Amino acid sequence: MFTLANGTKLGVANLLGRVFMKPIDCPFRVGRAVVERLRAETPLVVVDMHAEATSEKRALACMLDGAATAVIGTHTHVQTADDTVLPGGTAYISDAGMTGPHDSIVGVKSDIILHNFLTGMPVRHEAATGDARIEGVAIEADSQTGKALKIARLRIRERA
């Protein structure tokens, strides 16, 4: 729970998906319980769904539609173009994107990742440089109801 400068409380939950990832507790059951607990203190609740599969992220958003202000997907480092406000008032995007160097493979030097794919051997990741960007979303919401009014993708490029 965060308290903003104007005194408004914002609940934030981070969930991990299970599709193509290591087994973990069910993000659907846990997510429902956590959102209910946060909504007891504030109508503004943002859920970060850190997962591989867009279908799993979208399913969670559909389940929480009307209960969470937003369900924001993360993990794949590629900003998707499916930002929307669902019928119940929950803002959604499958992946908010990456903050870091875009002349790379998910932020890592391309030659390192290519070596890994070509050999199948694990390699130490090293951050790439150049073409830095910040990606994310901006959400406008009703602070009384917790319903999202708008969601917009953001992409800020480093100036050369």
N, C-alpha and C. Protein backbone atom coordinates (compact mmCIF):
# COMPACT_ATOMS: atom_id res chain seq x y z
N MET A 1 0.85 -1.17 0.00
CA MET A 1 0.00 0.00 0.00
C MET A 1 0.89 1.23 0.00
N PHE A 2 0.61 2.15 -0.90
CA PHE A 2 1.36 3.40 -1.00
C PHE A 2 0.41 4.55 -0.72
N THR A 3 0.93 5.58 -0.08
CA THR A 3 0.17 6.81 0.10
C THR A 3 0.81 7.87 -0.77
N LEU A 4 0.03 8.40 -1.71
CA LEU A 4 0.53 9.41 -2.64
C LEU A 4 0.63 10.77 -1.95
N ALA A 5 1.29 11.72 -2.59
CA ALA A 5 1.52 13.04 -2.01
C ALA A 5 0.21 13.73 -1.60
N ASN A 6 -0.87 13.46 -2.33
CA ASN A 6 -2.15 14.10 -2.01
C ASN A 6 -2.96 13.32 -0.97
N GLY A 7 -2.36 12.25 -0.40
CA GLY A 7 -3.02 11.46 0.62
C GLY A 7 -3.80 10.27 0.10
N THR A 8 -3.95 10.16 -1.21
CA THR A 8 -4.67 9.03 -1.81
C THR A 8 -3.87 7.75 -1.63
N LYS A 9 -4.56 6.69 -1.25
CA LYS A 9 -3.90 5.38 -1.10
C LYS A 9 -3.99 4.61 -2.42
N LEU A 10 -2.91 3.93 -2.75
CA LEU A 10 -2.82 3.10 -3.95
C LEU A 10 -2.32 1.72 -3.56
N GLY A 11 -3.14 0.71 -3.81
CA GLY A 11 -2.74 -0.66 -3.55
C GLY A 11 -2.04 -1.24 -4.76
N VAL A 12 -0.94 -1.95 -4.53
CA VAL A 12 -0.18 -2.56 -5.62
C VAL A 12 0.08 -4.03 -5.28
N ALA A 13 -0.19 -4.90 -6.24
CA ALA A 13 0.07 -6.33 -6.07
C ALA A 13 0.94 -6.81 -7.21
N ASN A 14 1.88 -7.68 -6.90
CA ASN A 14 2.74 -8.31 -7.91
C ASN A 14 2.46 -9.80 -7.90
N LEU A 15 2.05 -10.32 -9.05
CA LEU A 15 1.75 -11.74 -9.18
C LEU A 15 2.66 -12.37 -10.21
N LEU A 16 2.93 -13.67 -10.04
CA LEU A 16 3.75 -14.42 -11.00
C LEU A 16 2.87 -15.43 -11.72
N GLY A 17 3.02 -15.48 -13.04
CA GLY A 17 2.29 -16.45 -13.83
C GLY A 17 2.92 -17.83 -13.73
N ARG A 18 2.17 -18.84 -14.23
CA ARG A 18 2.67 -20.21 -14.17
C ARG A 18 2.93 -20.83 -15.55
N VAL A 19 2.35 -20.28 -16.60
CA VAL A 19 2.53 -20.85 -17.94
C VAL A 19 3.96 -20.59 -18.41
N PHE A 20 4.68 -21.64 -18.79
CA PHE A 20 6.07 -21.59 -19.25
C PHE A 20 7.05 -21.10 -18.17
N MET A 21 6.64 -21.10 -16.93
CA MET A 21 7.51 -20.65 -15.84
C MET A 21 7.51 -21.72 -14.75
N LYS A 22 8.39 -21.55 -13.78
CA LYS A 22 8.48 -22.50 -12.68
C LYS A 22 7.18 -22.53 -11.90
N PRO A 23 6.81 -23.70 -11.37
CA PRO A 23 5.57 -23.81 -10.60
C PRO A 23 5.56 -22.86 -9.39
N ILE A 24 4.43 -22.27 -9.19
CA ILE A 24 4.24 -21.32 -8.09
C ILE A 24 2.76 -21.35 -7.74
N ASP A 25 2.39 -20.75 -6.63
CA ASP A 25 0.98 -20.73 -6.22
C ASP A 25 0.12 -20.07 -7.31
N CYS A 26 -1.13 -20.43 -7.36
CA CYS A 26 -2.05 -19.97 -8.40
C CYS A 26 -2.24 -18.45 -8.36
N PRO A 27 -1.82 -17.74 -9.42
CA PRO A 27 -1.97 -16.28 -9.41
C PRO A 27 -3.44 -15.85 -9.45
N PHE A 28 -4.33 -16.70 -9.89
CA PHE A 28 -5.75 -16.35 -9.94
C PHE A 28 -6.36 -16.34 -8.54
N ARG A 29 -6.13 -17.41 -7.79
CA ARG A 29 -6.65 -17.46 -6.41
C ARG A 29 -5.97 -16.41 -5.54
N VAL A 30 -4.65 -16.33 -5.63
CA VAL A 30 -3.91 -15.36 -4.83
C VAL A 30 -4.30 -13.94 -5.23
N GLY A 31 -4.39 -13.70 -6.53
CA GLY A 31 -4.75 -12.37 -7.02
C GLY A 31 -6.10 -11.91 -6.53
N ARG A 32 -7.08 -12.78 -6.59
CA ARG A 32 -8.43 -12.42 -6.11
C ARG A 32 -8.39 -12.05 -4.63
N ALA A 33 -7.70 -12.85 -3.83
CA ALA A 33 -7.63 -12.59 -2.38
C ALA A 33 -6.87 -11.29 -2.08
N VAL A 34 -5.77 -11.06 -2.76
CA VAL A 34 -4.96 -9.86 -2.51
C VAL A 34 -5.73 -8.61 -2.93
N VAL A 35 -6.39 -8.65 -4.07
CA VAL A 35 -7.16 -7.48 -4.53
C VAL A 35 -8.29 -7.19 -3.54
N GLU A 36 -8.98 -8.20 -3.06
CA GLU A 36 -10.04 -7.99 -2.05
C GLU A 36 -9.47 -7.32 -0.80
N ARG A 37 -8.32 -7.79 -0.35
CA ARG A 37 -7.69 -7.22 0.85
C ARG A 37 -7.29 -5.76 0.62
N LEU A 38 -6.71 -5.46 -0.54
CA LEU A 38 -6.31 -4.09 -0.84
C LEU A 38 -7.52 -3.17 -0.99
N ARG A 39 -8.59 -3.67 -1.60
CA ARG A 39 -9.79 -2.85 -1.80
C ARG A 39 -10.50 -2.52 -0.49
N ALA A 40 -10.19 -3.24 0.56
CA ALA A 40 -10.74 -2.89 1.87
C ALA A 40 -10.16 -1.56 2.36
N GLU A 41 -9.00 -1.17 1.80
CA GLU A 41 -8.34 0.08 2.20
C GLU A 41 -8.42 1.18 1.15
N THR A 42 -8.57 0.81 -0.13
CA THR A 42 -8.60 1.80 -1.21
C THR A 42 -9.28 1.21 -2.44
N PRO A 43 -9.99 2.04 -3.21
CA PRO A 43 -10.55 1.52 -4.46
C PRO A 43 -9.52 1.45 -5.59
N LEU A 44 -8.36 2.09 -5.41
CA LEU A 44 -7.33 2.12 -6.45
C LEU A 44 -6.35 0.98 -6.26
N VAL A 45 -6.41 -0.01 -7.13
CA VAL A 45 -5.56 -1.20 -7.01
C VAL A 45 -4.95 -1.52 -8.37
N VAL A 46 -3.63 -1.58 -8.42
CA VAL A 46 -2.90 -1.92 -9.64
C VAL A 46 -2.24 -3.29 -9.44
N VAL A 47 -2.43 -4.17 -10.41
CA VAL A 47 -1.85 -5.51 -10.35
C VAL A 47 -0.80 -5.64 -11.46
N ASP A 48 0.42 -6.01 -11.07
CA ASP A 48 1.49 -6.33 -12.02
C ASP A 48 1.46 -7.84 -12.20
N MET A 49 1.16 -8.30 -13.41
CA MET A 49 1.14 -9.74 -13.70
C MET A 49 2.40 -10.07 -14.48
N HIS A 50 3.39 -10.61 -13.77
CA HIS A 50 4.70 -10.94 -14.34
C HIS A 50 4.61 -12.37 -14.89
N ALA A 51 4.47 -12.48 -16.22
CA ALA A 51 4.21 -13.80 -16.80
C ALA A 51 4.65 -13.83 -18.26
N GLU A 52 4.83 -15.05 -18.78
CA GLU A 52 5.21 -15.25 -20.18
C GLU A 52 4.01 -15.15 -21.12
N ALA A 53 2.93 -15.84 -20.79
CA ALA A 53 1.82 -16.01 -21.73
C ALA A 53 0.81 -14.86 -21.66
N THR A 54 0.56 -14.26 -22.82
CA THR A 54 -0.45 -13.19 -22.86
C THR A 54 -1.83 -13.73 -22.50
N SER A 55 -2.10 -14.98 -22.84
CA SER A 55 -3.41 -15.55 -22.51
C SER A 55 -3.63 -15.61 -21.00
N GLU A 56 -2.59 -15.94 -20.26
CA GLU A 56 -2.70 -15.99 -18.80
C GLU A 56 -2.91 -14.59 -18.23
N LYS A 57 -2.19 -13.62 -18.79
CA LYS A 57 -2.34 -12.23 -18.33
C LYS A 57 -3.75 -11.72 -18.62
N ARG A 58 -4.23 -11.97 -19.83
CA ARG A 58 -5.57 -11.51 -20.21
C ARG A 58 -6.65 -12.20 -19.38
N ALA A 59 -6.48 -13.48 -19.11
CA ALA A 59 -7.46 -14.21 -18.29
C ALA A 59 -7.54 -13.61 -16.89
N LEU A 60 -6.39 -13.27 -16.32
CA LEU A 60 -6.39 -12.65 -14.99
C LEU A 60 -7.11 -11.31 -15.04
N ALA A 61 -6.84 -10.52 -16.08
CA ALA A 61 -7.50 -9.22 -16.22
C ALA A 61 -9.01 -9.39 -16.33
N CYS A 62 -9.45 -10.38 -17.09
CA CYS A 62 -10.90 -10.62 -17.21
C CYS A 62 -11.50 -11.01 -15.87
N MET A 63 -10.79 -11.84 -15.11
CA MET A 63 -11.28 -12.25 -13.80
C MET A 63 -11.37 -11.06 -12.84
N LEU A 64 -10.39 -10.15 -12.90
CA LEU A 64 -10.34 -9.02 -11.98
C LEU A 64 -11.04 -7.77 -12.52
N ASP A 65 -11.64 -7.87 -13.71
CA ASP A 65 -12.30 -6.71 -14.31
C ASP A 65 -13.38 -6.18 -13.37
N GLY A 66 -13.24 -4.91 -13.03
CA GLY A 66 -14.17 -4.27 -12.11
C GLY A 66 -13.69 -4.27 -10.68
N ALA A 67 -12.76 -5.15 -10.34
CA ALA A 67 -12.21 -5.20 -8.98
C ALA A 67 -10.87 -4.47 -8.90
N ALA A 68 -10.04 -4.62 -9.93
CA ALA A 68 -8.74 -3.94 -9.97
C ALA A 68 -8.85 -2.74 -10.91
N THR A 69 -8.13 -1.68 -10.58
CA THR A 69 -8.08 -0.51 -11.45
C THR A 69 -7.32 -0.85 -12.72
N ALA A 70 -6.26 -1.64 -12.58
CA ALA A 70 -5.43 -2.00 -13.73
C ALA A 70 -4.76 -3.34 -13.51
N VAL A 71 -4.60 -4.08 -14.59
CA VAL A 71 -3.76 -5.27 -14.64
C VAL A 71 -2.75 -4.99 -15.73
N ILE A 72 -1.49 -4.90 -15.32
CA ILE A 72 -0.41 -4.55 -16.24
C ILE A 72 0.53 -5.74 -16.36
N GLY A 73 0.64 -6.27 -17.56
CA GLY A 73 1.54 -7.39 -17.80
C GLY A 73 2.98 -6.92 -17.91
N THR A 74 3.88 -7.76 -17.38
CA THR A 74 5.32 -7.51 -17.49
C THR A 74 6.02 -8.83 -17.75
N HIS A 75 7.27 -8.77 -18.11
CA HIS A 75 8.21 -9.89 -18.22
C HIS A 75 8.82 -10.05 -19.60
N THR A 76 8.06 -9.88 -20.68
CA THR A 76 8.60 -10.21 -22.00
C THR A 76 9.47 -9.11 -22.59
N HIS A 77 9.46 -7.92 -22.00
CA HIS A 77 10.29 -6.78 -22.43
C HIS A 77 9.85 -6.17 -23.75
N VAL A 78 8.75 -6.62 -24.31
CA VAL A 78 8.27 -6.08 -25.59
C VAL A 78 6.90 -5.46 -25.35
N GLN A 79 6.81 -4.15 -25.53
CA GLN A 79 5.54 -3.46 -25.30
C GLN A 79 4.50 -3.90 -26.32
N THR A 80 3.34 -4.29 -25.83
CA THR A 80 2.27 -4.74 -26.71
C THR A 80 1.34 -3.57 -27.05
N ALA A 81 0.53 -3.76 -28.07
CA ALA A 81 -0.37 -2.70 -28.54
C ALA A 81 -1.83 -3.04 -28.24
N ASP A 82 -2.07 -3.76 -27.13
CA ASP A 82 -3.43 -4.17 -26.78
C ASP A 82 -3.98 -3.43 -25.57
N ASP A 83 -3.45 -2.23 -25.31
CA ASP A 83 -3.93 -1.45 -24.17
C ASP A 83 -5.41 -1.12 -24.35
N THR A 84 -6.18 -1.33 -23.28
CA THR A 84 -7.63 -1.14 -23.35
C THR A 84 -8.19 -0.97 -21.94
N VAL A 85 -9.38 -0.43 -21.86
CA VAL A 85 -10.14 -0.45 -20.61
C VAL A 85 -11.24 -1.48 -20.82
N LEU A 86 -11.24 -2.51 -19.99
CA LEU A 86 -12.21 -3.60 -20.10
C LEU A 86 -13.61 -3.11 -19.68
N PRO A 87 -14.66 -3.84 -20.02
CA PRO A 87 -16.03 -3.39 -19.75
C PRO A 87 -16.32 -3.04 -18.29
N GLY A 88 -15.68 -3.72 -17.34
CA GLY A 88 -15.92 -3.44 -15.92
C GLY A 88 -15.10 -2.30 -15.36
N GLY A 89 -14.22 -1.72 -16.19
CA GLY A 89 -13.44 -0.56 -15.75
C GLY A 89 -12.02 -0.85 -15.34
N THR A 90 -11.47 -1.99 -15.76
CA THR A 90 -10.07 -2.32 -15.47
C THR A 90 -9.22 -2.03 -16.70
N ALA A 91 -8.18 -1.22 -16.51
CA ALA A 91 -7.22 -0.95 -17.59
C ALA A 91 -6.33 -2.18 -17.74
N TYR A 92 -5.96 -2.49 -18.99
CA TYR A 92 -5.17 -3.70 -19.25
C TYR A 92 -4.20 -3.48 -20.39
N ILE A 93 -3.01 -4.09 -20.25
CA ILE A 93 -2.05 -4.24 -21.34
C ILE A 93 -1.29 -5.54 -21.08
N SER A 94 -1.01 -6.30 -22.13
CA SER A 94 -0.31 -7.58 -21.96
C SER A 94 1.13 -7.40 -21.51
N ASP A 95 1.82 -6.37 -22.02
CA ASP A 95 3.17 -6.08 -21.54
C ASP A 95 3.46 -4.60 -21.68
N ALA A 96 3.85 -3.99 -20.58
CA ALA A 96 4.12 -2.55 -20.54
C ALA A 96 5.41 -2.19 -21.26
N GLY A 97 6.27 -3.17 -21.51
CA GLY A 97 7.50 -2.90 -22.24
C GLY A 97 8.73 -2.95 -21.36
N MET A 98 9.80 -2.36 -21.87
CA MET A 98 11.11 -2.44 -21.20
C MET A 98 11.69 -1.05 -21.02
N THR A 99 12.38 -0.88 -19.93
CA THR A 99 13.20 0.31 -19.74
C THR A 99 14.63 -0.15 -19.88
N GLY A 100 15.32 0.37 -20.89
CA GLY A 100 16.69 -0.04 -21.12
C GLY A 100 17.07 0.10 -22.58
N PRO A 101 18.19 -0.51 -22.97
CA PRO A 101 18.70 -0.38 -24.33
C PRO A 101 17.91 -1.23 -25.33
N HIS A 102 17.37 -0.60 -26.34
CA HIS A 102 16.57 -1.33 -27.32
C HIS A 102 17.38 -1.90 -28.47
N ASP A 103 18.63 -1.49 -28.63
CA ASP A 103 19.51 -2.09 -29.64
C ASP A 103 20.14 -3.30 -28.97
N SER A 104 19.30 -4.30 -28.69
CA SER A 104 19.70 -5.44 -27.87
C SER A 104 18.70 -6.56 -28.06
N ILE A 105 18.89 -7.63 -27.32
CA ILE A 105 17.89 -8.69 -27.22
C ILE A 105 17.44 -8.68 -25.77
N VAL A 106 16.26 -8.18 -25.54
CA VAL A 106 15.67 -7.95 -24.22
C VAL A 106 16.64 -7.30 -23.22
N GLY A 107 17.41 -6.33 -23.71
CA GLY A 107 18.31 -5.56 -22.84
C GLY A 107 19.72 -6.11 -22.72
N VAL A 108 19.97 -7.27 -23.30
CA VAL A 108 21.28 -7.92 -23.20
C VAL A 108 22.00 -7.78 -24.54
N LYS A 109 23.34 -7.71 -24.49
CA LYS A 109 24.12 -7.63 -25.73
C LYS A 109 23.72 -8.77 -26.67
N SER A 110 23.44 -8.43 -27.91
CA SER A 110 22.92 -9.39 -28.88
C SER A 110 23.84 -10.58 -29.10
N ASP A 111 25.16 -10.34 -29.18
CA ASP A 111 26.09 -11.45 -29.45
C ASP A 111 26.07 -12.49 -28.34
N ILE A 112 25.85 -12.07 -27.12
CA ILE A 112 25.80 -13.01 -25.99
C ILE A 112 24.57 -13.91 -26.11
N ILE A 113 23.43 -13.32 -26.38
CA ILE A 113 22.20 -14.10 -26.51
C ILE A 113 22.28 -15.02 -27.73
N LEU A 114 22.83 -14.53 -28.84
CA LEU A 114 22.98 -15.37 -30.03
C LEU A 114 23.89 -16.56 -29.74
N HIS A 115 24.98 -16.35 -29.00
CA HIS A 115 25.87 -17.45 -28.63
C HIS A 115 25.10 -18.50 -27.81
N ASN A 116 24.28 -18.04 -26.90
CA ASN A 116 23.48 -18.94 -26.08
C ASN A 116 22.54 -19.77 -26.95
N PHE A 117 21.86 -19.14 -27.90
CA PHE A 117 20.94 -19.87 -28.77
C PHE A 117 21.67 -20.84 -29.69
N LEU A 118 22.84 -20.45 -30.19
CA LEU A 118 23.59 -21.30 -31.11
C LEU A 118 24.24 -22.50 -30.44
N THR A 119 24.66 -22.34 -29.18
CA THR A 119 25.37 -23.42 -28.49
C THR A 119 24.51 -24.16 -27.48
N GLY A 120 23.44 -23.53 -27.01
CA GLY A 120 22.63 -24.14 -25.96
C GLY A 120 23.29 -24.08 -24.60
N MET A 121 24.42 -23.41 -24.52
CA MET A 121 25.16 -23.32 -23.26
C MET A 121 24.78 -22.03 -22.53
N PRO A 122 24.69 -22.12 -21.21
CA PRO A 122 24.38 -20.91 -20.44
C PRO A 122 25.52 -19.90 -20.54
N VAL A 123 25.18 -18.66 -20.60
CA VAL A 123 26.18 -17.59 -20.66
C VAL A 123 25.77 -16.49 -19.69
N ARG A 124 26.76 -15.76 -19.23
CA ARG A 124 26.48 -14.64 -18.34
C ARG A 124 25.94 -13.48 -19.18
N HIS A 125 24.81 -12.95 -18.75
CA HIS A 125 24.21 -11.82 -19.46
C HIS A 125 24.94 -10.53 -19.11
N GLU A 126 25.10 -9.70 -20.12
CA GLU A 126 25.74 -8.40 -19.94
C GLU A 126 24.84 -7.36 -20.60
N ALA A 127 24.53 -6.31 -19.86
CA ALA A 127 23.62 -5.29 -20.37
C ALA A 127 24.19 -4.62 -21.62
N ALA A 128 23.33 -4.42 -22.59
CA ALA A 128 23.69 -3.69 -23.80
C ALA A 128 23.73 -2.19 -23.48
N THR A 129 24.23 -1.42 -24.42
CA THR A 129 24.28 0.03 -24.25
C THR A 129 23.63 0.69 -25.46
N GLY A 130 23.36 1.96 -25.35
CA GLY A 130 22.81 2.73 -26.47
C GLY A 130 21.31 2.64 -26.60
N ASP A 131 20.73 3.58 -27.33
CA ASP A 131 19.31 3.64 -27.65
C ASP A 131 18.42 3.32 -26.45
N ALA A 132 18.66 4.03 -25.35
CA ALA A 132 17.88 3.80 -24.14
C ALA A 132 16.46 4.33 -24.30
N ARG A 133 15.52 3.55 -23.79
CA ARG A 133 14.11 3.94 -23.81
C ARG A 133 13.45 3.61 -22.48
N ILE A 134 12.44 4.37 -22.18
CA ILE A 134 11.58 4.07 -21.04
C ILE A 134 10.21 3.77 -21.62
N GLU A 135 9.67 2.61 -21.29
CA GLU A 135 8.33 2.25 -21.74
C GLU A 135 7.45 1.97 -20.53
N GLY A 136 6.18 2.15 -20.70
CA GLY A 136 5.22 1.91 -19.62
C GLY A 136 3.84 2.33 -20.06
N VAL A 137 2.99 2.61 -19.09
CA VAL A 137 1.64 3.08 -19.37
C VAL A 137 1.27 4.20 -18.41
N ALA A 138 0.37 5.05 -18.85
CA ALA A 138 -0.25 6.06 -18.00
C ALA A 138 -1.73 5.70 -17.91
N ILE A 139 -2.24 5.71 -16.69
CA ILE A 139 -3.64 5.33 -16.47
C ILE A 139 -4.34 6.46 -15.74
N GLU A 140 -5.49 6.86 -16.26
CA GLU A 140 -6.34 7.82 -15.58
C GLU A 140 -7.48 7.03 -14.95
N ALA A 141 -7.73 7.28 -13.65
CA ALA A 141 -8.76 6.52 -12.95
C ALA A 141 -9.58 7.43 -12.05
N ASP A 142 -10.79 7.00 -11.76
CA ASP A 142 -11.66 7.69 -10.81
C ASP A 142 -11.24 7.27 -9.41
N SER A 143 -10.78 8.20 -8.60
CA SER A 143 -10.25 7.87 -7.28
C SER A 143 -11.34 7.43 -6.30
N GLN A 144 -12.59 7.71 -6.61
CA GLN A 144 -13.69 7.29 -5.73
C GLN A 144 -14.14 5.86 -6.02
N THR A 145 -14.19 5.50 -7.29
CA THR A 145 -14.68 4.17 -7.67
C THR A 145 -13.56 3.18 -7.95
N GLY A 146 -12.38 3.69 -8.27
CA GLY A 146 -11.27 2.83 -8.65
C GLY A 146 -11.34 2.37 -10.10
N LYS A 147 -12.32 2.82 -10.84
CA LYS A 147 -12.46 2.42 -12.25
C LYS A 147 -11.50 3.21 -13.12
N ALA A 148 -10.87 2.52 -14.07
CA ALA A 148 -9.98 3.19 -15.02
C ALA A 148 -10.83 3.92 -16.05
N LEU A 149 -10.37 5.10 -16.43
CA LEU A 149 -11.04 5.89 -17.46
C LEU A 149 -10.28 5.81 -18.78
N LYS A 150 -8.95 5.78 -18.69
CA LYS A 150 -8.09 5.74 -19.88
C LYS A 150 -6.81 5.00 -19.56
N ILE A 151 -6.22 4.40 -20.59
CA ILE A 151 -4.87 3.84 -20.51
C ILE A 151 -4.15 4.24 -21.79
N ALA A 152 -2.91 4.64 -21.66
CA ALA A 152 -2.12 5.04 -22.82
C ALA A 152 -0.70 4.50 -22.68
N ARG A 153 -0.20 3.94 -23.78
CA ARG A 153 1.19 3.46 -23.80
C ARG A 153 2.14 4.65 -23.82
N LEU A 154 3.27 4.50 -23.13
CA LEU A 154 4.32 5.52 -23.12
C LEU A 154 5.60 4.93 -23.68
N ARG A 155 6.32 5.71 -24.45
CA ARG A 155 7.65 5.34 -24.92
C ARG A 155 8.46 6.62 -25.02
N ILE A 156 9.48 6.71 -24.21
CA ILE A 156 10.35 7.88 -24.20
C ILE A 156 11.72 7.43 -24.67
N ARG A 157 12.19 8.05 -25.75
CA ARG A 157 13.49 7.69 -26.33
C ARG A 157 14.56 8.65 -25.82
N GLU A 158 15.74 8.10 -25.61
CA GLU A 158 16.89 8.91 -25.24
C GLU A 158 17.24 9.83 -26.40
N ARG A 159 17.53 11.05 -26.10
CA ARG A 159 17.94 12.01 -27.15
C ARG A 159 19.43 11.88 -27.38
N ALA A 160 19.83 11.84 -28.64
CA ALA A 160 21.26 11.70 -28.99
C ALA A 160 21.95 13.04 -28.91
